[in-house]
Protein backbone atom coordinates (compact mmCIF):
# COMPACT_ATOMS: atom_id res chain seq x y z
CA MET A 1 -0.10 0.11 -0.15
CA ASP A 2 3.07 2.48 0.67
CA ILE A 3 4.29 1.89 -2.90
CA LEU A 4 0.64 3.00 -4.28
CA ARG A 5 0.60 5.87 -2.09
CA GLU A 6 4.28 6.97 -3.68
CA TYR A 7 2.71 6.40 -7.31
CA LEU A 8 -0.24 8.25 -6.26
CA ALA A 9 1.76 11.27 -5.44
CA LEU A 10 2.74 11.72 -8.92
CA CYS A 11 -0.92 12.66 -9.72
CA TRP A 12 -0.74 15.74 -7.64
CA LEU A 13 2.81 16.57 -8.84
CA SER A 14 4.83 15.78 -5.66
CA ASN A 15 7.08 12.87 -6.01
CA GLU A 16 10.01 12.05 -7.89
CA PRO A 17 9.64 9.79 -10.62
CA LEU A 18 13.07 8.26 -10.45
CA GLU A 19 12.97 7.42 -6.70
CA LEU A 20 10.00 5.41 -6.84
CA PRO A 21 10.47 1.90 -5.94
CA ARG A 22 10.35 -1.03 -8.36
CA SER A 23 7.28 -3.04 -8.55
CA VAL A 24 6.80 -5.94 -11.50
CA GLY A 25 3.48 -6.80 -9.68
CA LEU A 26 2.07 -3.27 -9.59
CA PHE A 27 3.20 -2.90 -13.29
CA ARG A 28 1.50 -5.80 -14.14
CA LYS A 29 -1.93 -5.21 -12.68
CA ASN A 30 -1.80 -1.52 -13.80
CA LEU A 31 -1.34 -2.46 -17.49
CA LEU A 32 -3.92 -4.98 -17.35
CA LEU A 33 -6.19 -2.14 -15.92
CA TYR A 34 -5.24 0.39 -18.48
CA PHE A 35 -6.11 -2.21 -21.28
CA VAL A 36 -9.52 -3.20 -19.75
CA VAL A 37 -10.38 0.72 -19.09
CA GLY A 38 -8.80 1.71 -22.28
CA TYR A 39 -10.97 -1.05 -24.39
CA LEU A 40 -13.94 0.10 -22.66
CA LEU A 41 -13.42 3.65 -23.32
CA GLN A 42 -12.47 2.60 -27.02
CA ALA A 43 -15.60 0.51 -27.44
CA ASN A 44 -17.81 3.36 -26.31
CA MET A 45 -16.51 5.50 -29.09
CA ILE A 46 -16.16 2.68 -31.70
CA ASP A 47 -18.84 0.69 -32.96
CA ASP A 48 -16.66 -2.64 -33.63
CA PRO A 49 -15.27 -4.28 -30.68
CA PHE A 50 -12.36 -5.95 -32.70
CA GLU A 51 -11.04 -2.35 -33.74
CA SER A 52 -11.00 -1.36 -30.47
CA LEU A 53 -9.22 -4.46 -28.96
CA TYR A 54 -6.17 -3.92 -31.62
CA GLU A 55 -6.43 0.11 -31.37
CA ILE A 56 -5.96 -0.29 -27.29
CA GLY A 57 -3.13 -2.91 -28.54
CA LEU A 58 -1.32 -0.52 -30.60
CA GLN A 59 -1.67 2.15 -27.91
CA ILE A 60 -0.06 -0.03 -25.17
CA VAL A 61 2.57 -0.84 -27.80
CA PHE A 62 3.62 2.56 -28.81
CA MET A 63 3.12 3.73 -24.89
CA LEU A 64 5.94 1.17 -23.99
CA MET A 65 8.05 1.64 -26.94
CA PHE A 66 7.95 5.79 -26.60
CA ILE A 67 9.15 5.39 -22.75
CA GLY A 68 11.67 2.86 -23.58
CA ILE A 69 13.17 4.87 -26.42
CA MET A 70 13.05 7.86 -24.32
CA LEU A 71 14.86 6.20 -21.51
CA PHE A 72 17.45 4.53 -23.81
CA LEU A 73 18.44 7.49 -25.53
CA ASN A 74 18.62 9.47 -21.89
CA LYS A 75 20.65 6.16 -20.64
CA THR A 76 18.33 5.68 -17.82
CA LEU A 77 16.69 2.22 -18.85
CA TYR A 78 17.25 0.80 -15.39
CA VAL A 79 14.03 3.05 -14.29
CA TYR A 80 11.85 1.49 -17.10
CA VAL A 81 9.55 -0.44 -14.95
CA GLN A 82 9.07 2.59 -12.43
CA ILE A 83 8.69 5.20 -15.02
CA THR A 84 6.44 2.86 -17.00
CA THR A 85 4.17 1.92 -13.78
CA ALA A 86 4.03 6.08 -13.27
CA PHE A 87 2.80 6.44 -16.62
CA ILE A 88 0.44 3.92 -16.48
CA LEU A 89 -1.07 4.50 -12.89
CA SER A 90 -1.41 8.00 -13.77
CA ALA A 91 -3.49 7.67 -16.55
CA ASN A 92 -5.59 4.91 -14.91
CA ILE A 93 -6.27 7.53 -12.14
CA VAL A 94 -7.09 10.29 -14.56
CA SER A 95 -9.35 7.97 -16.56
CA ALA A 96 -10.98 6.77 -13.38
CA PHE A 97 -12.53 10.36 -13.51
CA ILE A 98 -12.86 10.48 -17.21
CA VAL A 99 -15.26 7.52 -17.44
CA PRO A 100 -18.01 9.25 -15.68
CA VAL A 101 -17.36 12.47 -17.57
CA MET A 102 -17.56 10.53 -20.68
CA VAL A 103 -20.99 9.09 -19.85
CA TRP A 104 -21.97 12.30 -18.81
CA LEU A 105 -20.71 14.04 -22.16
CA THR A 106 -22.46 11.10 -24.05
CA VAL A 107 -25.86 11.32 -22.32
CA THR A 108 -26.22 15.13 -21.86
CA GLU A 109 -23.81 16.93 -24.11
CA ASP A 110 -23.72 19.59 -21.22
CA PRO A 111 -20.88 22.32 -21.99
CA TYR A 112 -19.80 21.95 -18.34
CA SER A 113 -19.17 18.01 -19.02
CA TYR A 114 -16.94 19.19 -21.76
CA TYR A 115 -15.21 21.48 -19.75
CA LEU A 116 -14.52 19.07 -17.13
CA PHE A 117 -13.27 16.62 -19.63
CA PHE A 118 -10.74 19.15 -21.34
CA LEU A 119 -9.55 19.95 -17.49
CA LEU A 120 -9.12 16.25 -16.55
CA LEU A 121 -7.20 15.96 -19.91
CA ALA A 122 -4.88 19.10 -19.06
CA TRP A 123 -4.09 17.21 -15.74
CA TYR A 124 -3.04 14.24 -17.54
CA TYR A 125 -0.81 16.20 -19.79
CA ALA A 126 0.43 18.32 -16.65
CA ILE A 127 1.18 14.74 -14.98
CA VAL A 128 3.21 13.14 -18.19
CA SER A 129 5.31 16.65 -18.39
CA TYR A 130 6.12 16.45 -14.77
CA ILE A 131 7.40 12.74 -14.92
CA ILE A 132 9.23 13.48 -18.07
CA LYS A 133 10.72 16.57 -16.69
CA HIS A 134 11.95 14.93 -13.72
CA THR A 135 13.06 11.96 -15.21
CA LEU A 136 14.99 13.24 -18.04
CA VAL A 137 15.96 16.34 -15.91
CA ILE A 138 15.26 18.76 -18.67
CA ASN A 139 13.52 22.20 -18.42
CA LEU A 140 9.52 22.30 -18.35
CA PRO A 141 9.10 23.56 -22.07
CA ALA A 142 11.05 20.84 -23.54
CA SER A 143 9.13 18.14 -21.11
CA MET A 144 5.69 19.70 -22.35
CA VAL A 145 7.09 19.05 -26.21
CA LEU A 146 8.07 15.53 -25.37
CA ALA A 147 4.53 15.09 -23.68
CA LEU A 148 2.96 16.52 -26.54
CA PHE A 149 5.07 13.75 -28.74
CA TYR A 150 4.18 11.20 -26.08
CA PHE A 151 0.25 11.68 -26.70
CA ILE A 152 0.97 12.14 -30.48
CA ALA A 153 3.29 8.76 -30.83
CA THR A 154 0.58 6.89 -28.94
CA TYR A 155 -2.76 8.08 -29.32
CA LEU A 156 -2.68 9.51 -32.70
CA GLY A 157 -0.60 6.94 -33.83
CA ALA A 158 -2.68 3.89 -32.85
CA PHE A 159 -5.83 5.78 -34.07
CA ALA A 160 -4.20 6.47 -37.42
CA ILE A 161 -2.84 2.75 -37.99
CA GLY A 162 -6.02 1.55 -36.54
CA GLN A 163 -7.98 3.26 -39.25
CA VAL A 164 -5.69 1.92 -41.99
CA ILE A 165 -6.00 -1.78 -40.54
């Protein structure tokens, strides 16, 4: 439970990602949860369940590759499990808030649901920027650019390839 608290502190931008404890079990459980929640969100937006399945699969592969390449180029590949767990766990936490907002957005299309949705996306963007900034020891603008590349590579990349397949 203490390990989970340390990872949760990242969502409030208050913990050092490089000092997180290594837990392969937490990584696996969060990866599975990420897959299930991602599949449910994709299935809500796409009518074809098979397309949702391979799109979330591509998204996970691209995420793991992006983080691996980023850490390899920074010569910090030894913290791959910790940093990947931080990315996945923070995505799961934000998704726990996004799922009800998506339902609200789908049912009512209230403008406040869109505001809250974009606020949650901005929070996730801030978390990813924070993790990248402290992992690579770079300045905030550079980490924000890398976070943007992360979102383009993982989410838009999976979507684009999913449309081709």
